[in-house]
Amino acid sequence: MTFPYEPDDRRPDHRRDLEGDEDLTTIRVDHFLPHSPAKVRRAPTEPELIAQWLMPGDFRLLVGHRYTMTSVPRPNTNFSGAVEAEVLGYETERMLKVRWADAMGGPTSADWTITWTLEPEGRGTRLFLVHEGFDPDDPAQLMAHKIMGGGWRSQVLVALQETLAKL
């Protein structure tokens, strides 16, 4: 699995996304997963599972832990292919907040915050994803916003669901 992903709007499913949001600094996704919060929270907090649906890295669920994830470089978005990440906060089975920055740095490189929030809903879990910090005045950041907005919805969540189904 690589990241960021190309958008693919051809997949019909039961997701409820906030695609109409015109905020170019933030991506917001609202998605139902037919699994318990205890099961869903494992996917973004266990390194071997993260590697299956997102990117490989040396994640640990510890505030302040810094780790690296690797993927395919995307020159059109100024993405080097390496993400330096840091756990900013978490609430067990409810919320995880991380910072992602491009490992190569630079004045127009990525420096984002991603927050996953889980809420029990019926026999499943509602996942809210907020990916913020895009610079709307930077063409590469606007391209990253577009690609990643579609990628979270059409590819990352599909890979997450496939990973959860195997647990």
C-alpha atoms as a PDB file:
ATOM      1  CA  MET A   1       0.000   0.000   0.000  1.00  0.00           C
ATOM      2  CA  THR A   2       1.321   3.446  -0.884  1.00  0.00           C
ATOM      3  CA  PHE A   3       0.278   6.934   0.102  1.00  0.00           C
ATOM      4  CA  PRO A   4      -0.822   9.506  -1.000  1.00  0.00           C
ATOM      5  CA  TYR A   5      -3.287   7.858  -3.322  1.00  0.00           C
ATOM      6  CA  GLU A   6      -4.831   8.897  -6.584  1.00  0.00           C
ATOM      7  CA  PRO A   7      -8.518   9.750  -6.200  1.00  0.00           C
ATOM      8  CA  ASP A   8     -11.025   7.160  -7.389  1.00  0.00           C
ATOM      9  CA  ASP A   9     -14.620   8.345  -7.209  1.00  0.00           C
ATOM     10  CA  ARG A  10     -16.028   5.237  -8.959  1.00  0.00           C
ATOM     11  CA  ARG A  11     -16.522   3.159  -5.791  1.00  0.00           C
ATOM     12  CA  PRO A  12     -20.119   3.228  -4.576  1.00  0.00           C
ATOM     13  CA  ASP A  13     -20.535   2.148  -0.967  1.00  0.00           C
ATOM     14  CA  HIS A  14     -22.263   3.044   2.279  1.00  0.00           C
ATOM     15  CA  ARG A  15     -19.842   5.778   3.333  1.00  0.00           C
ATOM     16  CA  ARG A  16     -21.001   9.234   4.272  1.00  0.00           C
ATOM     17  CA  ASP A  17     -18.248  11.697   3.318  1.00  0.00           C
ATOM     18  CA  LEU A  18     -18.129  15.413   3.777  1.00  0.00           C
ATOM     19  CA  GLU A  19     -16.976  15.993   0.211  1.00  0.00           C
ATOM     20  CA  GLY A  20     -18.936  19.228  -0.162  1.00  0.00           C
ATOM     21  CA  ASP A  21     -16.697  20.976   2.354  1.00  0.00           C
ATOM     22  CA  GLU A  22     -14.924  23.823   0.547  1.00  0.00           C
ATOM     23  CA  ASP A  23     -12.268  24.320   3.252  1.00  0.00           C
ATOM     24  CA  LEU A  24      -8.998  23.991   1.338  1.00  0.00           C
ATOM     25  CA  THR A  25      -6.991  23.765   4.568  1.00  0.00           C
ATOM     26  CA  THR A  26      -8.730  20.614   5.822  1.00  0.00           C
ATOM     27  CA  ILE A  27     -10.040  17.251   4.653  1.00  0.00           C
ATOM     28  CA  ARG A  28     -12.962  15.841   6.637  1.00  0.00           C
ATOM     29  CA  VAL A  29     -14.244  12.300   6.271  1.00  0.00           C
ATOM     30  CA  ASP A  30     -17.172  10.663   8.082  1.00  0.00           C
ATOM     31  CA  HIS A  31     -17.321   6.901   7.498  1.00  0.00           C
ATOM     32  CA  PHE A  32     -19.209   3.984   9.067  1.00  0.00           C
ATOM     33  CA  LEU A  33     -17.295   0.759   9.741  1.00  0.00           C
ATOM     34  CA  PRO A  34     -19.227  -2.421  10.642  1.00  0.00           C
ATOM     35  CA  HIS A  35     -16.817  -3.297  13.457  1.00  0.00           C
ATOM     36  CA  SER A  36     -16.624  -2.515  17.181  1.00  0.00           C
ATOM     37  CA  PRO A  37     -14.596   0.512  18.359  1.00  0.00           C
ATOM     38  CA  ALA A  38     -12.208  -1.893  20.141  1.00  0.00           C
ATOM     39  CA  LYS A  39     -11.473  -3.617  16.831  1.00  0.00           C
ATOM     40  CA  VAL A  40     -11.320  -0.406  14.758  1.00  0.00           C
ATOM     41  CA  ARG A  41      -8.914   1.334  17.133  1.00  0.00           C
ATOM     42  CA  ARG A  42      -6.351  -1.439  16.564  1.00  0.00           C
ATOM     43  CA  ALA A  43      -5.855  -0.496  12.901  1.00  0.00           C
ATOM     44  CA  PRO A  44      -4.258   2.948  13.465  1.00  0.00           C
ATOM     45  CA  THR A  45      -2.372   1.918  16.617  1.00  0.00           C
ATOM     46  CA  GLU A  46      -0.690  -1.432  15.822  1.00  0.00           C
ATOM     47  CA  PRO A  47       2.338  -1.087  13.506  1.00  0.00           C
ATOM     48  CA  GLU A  48       1.770  -4.373  11.650  1.00  0.00           C
ATOM     49  CA  LEU A  49      -1.819  -3.316  10.887  1.00  0.00           C
ATOM     50  CA  ILE A  50      -0.870   0.266   9.928  1.00  0.00           C
ATOM     51  CA  ALA A  51       1.507  -1.192   7.329  1.00  0.00           C
ATOM     52  CA  GLN A  52      -1.378  -3.158   5.776  1.00  0.00           C
ATOM     53  CA  TRP A  53      -3.736  -0.235   5.170  1.00  0.00           C
ATOM     54  CA  LEU A  54      -1.605   2.922   5.249  1.00  0.00           C
ATOM     55  CA  MET A  55       2.213   2.952   5.280  1.00  0.00           C
ATOM     56  CA  PRO A  56       4.898   0.950   7.069  1.00  0.00           C
ATOM     57  CA  GLY A  57       6.540   2.645  10.037  1.00  0.00           C
ATOM     58  CA  ASP A  58       7.693   2.206  13.613  1.00  0.00           C
ATOM     59  CA  PHE A  59       4.586   3.576  15.349  1.00  0.00           C
ATOM     60  CA  ARG A  60       4.119   3.286  19.130  1.00  0.00           C
ATOM     61  CA  LEU A  61       1.057   4.521  21.003  1.00  0.00           C
ATOM     62  CA  LEU A  62       2.917   6.971  23.210  1.00  0.00           C
ATOM     63  CA  VAL A  63       2.412  10.746  23.220  1.00  0.00           C
ATOM     64  CA  GLY A  64       5.584  12.349  21.917  1.00  0.00           C
ATOM     65  CA  HIS A  65       6.761   9.214  20.073  1.00  0.00           C
ATOM     66  CA  ARG A  66       8.351  10.172  16.756  1.00  0.00           C
ATOM     67  CA  TYR A  67       8.455   7.693  13.914  1.00  0.00           C
ATOM     68  CA  THR A  68       8.941   7.501  10.169  1.00  0.00           C
ATOM     69  CA  MET A  69       6.673   6.090   7.475  1.00  0.00           C
ATOM     70  CA  THR A  70       7.663   5.549   3.866  1.00  0.00           C
ATOM     71  CA  SER A  71       5.799   5.614   0.593  1.00  0.00           C
ATOM     72  CA  VAL A  72       6.179   6.582  -3.046  1.00  0.00           C
ATOM     73  CA  PRO A  73       7.457  10.137  -3.724  1.00  0.00           C
ATOM     74  CA  ARG A  74       4.985  12.540  -5.385  1.00  0.00           C
ATOM     75  CA  PRO A  75       6.932  15.448  -6.944  1.00  0.00           C
ATOM     76  CA  ASN A  76       3.724  17.226  -8.062  1.00  0.00           C
ATOM     77  CA  THR A  77       2.815  17.677  -4.378  1.00  0.00           C
ATOM     78  CA  ASN A  78       6.380  18.209  -3.084  1.00  0.00           C
ATOM     79  CA  PHE A  79       6.110  14.880  -1.205  1.00  0.00           C
ATOM     80  CA  SER A  80       9.500  13.169  -0.789  1.00  0.00           C
ATOM     81  CA  GLY A  81       8.077   9.748   0.043  1.00  0.00           C
ATOM     82  CA  ALA A  82       9.095   9.867   3.708  1.00  0.00           C
ATOM     83  CA  VAL A  83       6.822  11.090   6.505  1.00  0.00           C
ATOM     84  CA  GLU A  84       8.164  12.115   9.886  1.00  0.00           C
ATOM     85  CA  ALA A  85       5.308  11.587  12.294  1.00  0.00           C
ATOM     86  CA  GLU A  86       4.672  12.254  15.963  1.00  0.00           C
ATOM     87  CA  VAL A  87       1.902  11.067  18.271  1.00  0.00           C
ATOM     88  CA  LEU A  88       0.282  14.239  19.632  1.00  0.00           C
ATOM     89  CA  GLY A  89      -2.485  12.646  21.693  1.00  0.00           C
ATOM     90  CA  TYR A  90      -4.879   9.762  22.133  1.00  0.00           C
ATOM     91  CA  GLU A  91      -7.867   8.585  24.120  1.00  0.00           C
ATOM     92  CA  THR A  92      -8.190   4.792  24.294  1.00  0.00           C
ATOM     93  CA  GLU A  93     -10.760   3.461  21.786  1.00  0.00           C
ATOM     94  CA  ARG A  94     -11.832   7.013  20.960  1.00  0.00           C
ATOM     95  CA  MET A  95      -9.203   9.320  19.412  1.00  0.00           C
ATOM     96  CA  LEU A  96      -5.699   9.392  17.919  1.00  0.00           C
ATOM     97  CA  LYS A  97      -3.980  12.602  16.810  1.00  0.00           C
ATOM     98  CA  VAL A  98      -0.681  12.615  14.921  1.00  0.00           C
ATOM     99  CA  ARG A  99       1.488  15.149  13.147  1.00  0.00           C
ATOM    100  CA  TRP A 100       2.818  14.326   9.683  1.00  0.00           C
ATOM    101  CA  ALA A 101       5.639  16.324   8.124  1.00  0.00           C
ATOM    102  CA  ASP A 102       7.616  15.630   4.983  1.00  0.00           C
ATOM    103  CA  ALA A 103      11.010  14.311   6.039  1.00  0.00           C
ATOM    104  CA  MET A 104      12.774  16.468   3.451  1.00  0.00           C
ATOM    105  CA  GLY A 105      11.339  19.670   4.941  1.00  0.00           C
ATOM    106  CA  GLY A 106      11.440  22.913   3.021  1.00  0.00           C
ATOM    107  CA  PRO A 107       9.234  26.013   2.953  1.00  0.00           C
ATOM    108  CA  THR A 108       6.350  24.403   1.018  1.00  0.00           C
ATOM    109  CA  SER A 109       6.503  20.874   2.363  1.00  0.00           C
ATOM    110  CA  ALA A 110       3.727  19.114   4.242  1.00  0.00           C
ATOM    111  CA  ASP A 111       3.182  19.762   7.941  1.00  0.00           C
ATOM    112  CA  TRP A 112      -0.220  18.335   8.796  1.00  0.00           C
ATOM    113  CA  THR A 113      -2.264  17.070  11.707  1.00  0.00           C
ATOM    114  CA  ILE A 114      -4.440  13.980  11.281  1.00  0.00           C
ATOM    115  CA  THR A 115      -7.062  13.131  13.891  1.00  0.00           C
ATOM    116  CA  TRP A 116      -9.046   9.896  13.925  1.00  0.00           C
ATOM    117  CA  THR A 117     -12.088   9.919  16.225  1.00  0.00           C
ATOM    118  CA  LEU A 118     -14.224   6.819  16.809  1.00  0.00           C
ATOM    119  CA  GLU A 119     -17.828   6.776  18.037  1.00  0.00           C
ATOM    120  CA  PRO A 120     -19.895   3.633  18.665  1.00  0.00           C
ATOM    121  CA  GLU A 121     -22.879   3.473  16.315  1.00  0.00           C
ATOM    122  CA  GLY A 122     -25.294   0.557  16.376  1.00  0.00           C
ATOM    123  CA  ARG A 123     -23.268  -2.595  15.758  1.00  0.00           C
ATOM    124  CA  GLY A 124     -20.335  -0.671  14.353  1.00  0.00           C
ATOM    125  CA  THR A 125     -18.198   2.427  14.612  1.00  0.00           C
ATOM    126  CA  ARG A 126     -18.382   5.869  13.059  1.00  0.00           C
ATOM    127  CA  LEU A 127     -14.909   7.038  12.046  1.00  0.00           C
ATOM    128  CA  PHE A 128     -14.311  10.769  11.733  1.00  0.00           C
ATOM    129  CA  LEU A 129     -11.050  11.744  10.086  1.00  0.00           C
ATOM    130  CA  VAL A 130      -9.785  15.321  10.066  1.00  0.00           C
ATOM    131  CA  HIS A 131      -6.611  16.011   8.069  1.00  0.00           C
ATOM    132  CA  GLU A 132      -5.659  19.663   8.526  1.00  0.00           C
ATOM    133  CA  GLY A 133      -2.882  22.101   7.772  1.00  0.00           C
ATOM    134  CA  PHE A 134      -2.950  22.408   3.977  1.00  0.00           C
ATOM    135  CA  ASP A 135      -1.751  25.758   2.627  1.00  0.00           C
ATOM    136  CA  PRO A 136      -4.377  26.987   0.116  1.00  0.00           C
ATOM    137  CA  ASP A 137      -1.886  29.510  -1.331  1.00  0.00           C
ATOM    138  CA  ASP A 138       0.556  26.773  -2.399  1.00  0.00           C
ATOM    139  CA  PRO A 139      -0.304  24.973  -5.681  1.00  0.00           C
ATOM    140  CA  ALA A 140       1.477  21.777  -4.550  1.00  0.00           C
ATOM    141  CA  GLN A 141      -0.494  21.793  -1.290  1.00  0.00           C
ATOM    142  CA  LEU A 142      -3.744  22.289  -3.230  1.00  0.00           C
ATOM    143  CA  MET A 143      -2.844  19.275  -5.391  1.00  0.00           C
ATOM    144  CA  ALA A 144      -2.039  17.263  -2.254  1.00  0.00           C
ATOM    145  CA  HIS A 145      -5.421  18.267  -0.759  1.00  0.00           C
ATOM    146  CA  LYS A 146      -7.232  17.082  -3.881  1.00  0.00           C
ATOM    147  CA  ILE A 147      -5.330  13.803  -4.197  1.00  0.00           C
ATOM    148  CA  MET A 148      -5.449  12.961  -0.506  1.00  0.00           C
ATOM    149  CA  GLY A 149      -9.107  13.928  -0.138  1.00  0.00           C
ATOM    150  CA  GLY A 150     -10.021  11.381  -2.767  1.00  0.00           C
ATOM    151  CA  GLY A 151      -7.443   8.905  -1.531  1.00  0.00           C
ATOM    152  CA  TRP A 152      -8.684   8.866   2.056  1.00  0.00           C
ATOM    153  CA  ARG A 153     -12.215   8.204   0.846  1.00  0.00           C
ATOM    154  CA  SER A 154     -11.728   5.784  -2.001  1.00  0.00           C
ATOM    155  CA  GLN A 155      -8.563   3.863  -1.244  1.00  0.00           C
ATOM    156  CA  VAL A 156      -7.371   4.228   2.338  1.00  0.00           C
ATOM    157  CA  LEU A 157     -10.763   3.488   3.873  1.00  0.00           C
ATOM    158  CA  VAL A 158     -11.226   0.525   1.534  1.00  0.00           C
ATOM    159  CA  ALA A 159      -7.824  -0.844   2.605  1.00  0.00           C
ATOM    160  CA  LEU A 160      -8.742  -0.184   6.250  1.00  0.00           C
ATOM    161  CA  GLN A 161     -11.990  -2.131   5.852  1.00  0.00           C
ATOM    162  CA  GLU A 162     -10.149  -5.029   4.203  1.00  0.00           C
ATOM    163  CA  THR A 163      -7.641  -5.091   7.073  1.00  0.00           C
ATOM    164  CA  LEU A 164     -10.421  -5.030   9.687  1.00  0.00           C
ATOM    165  CA  ALA A 165     -12.276  -7.844   7.932  1.00  0.00           C
ATOM    166  CA  LYS A 166      -9.230 -10.108   8.392  1.00  0.00           C
ATOM    167  CA  LEU A 167      -9.044  -9.544  12.173  1.00  0.00           C
END
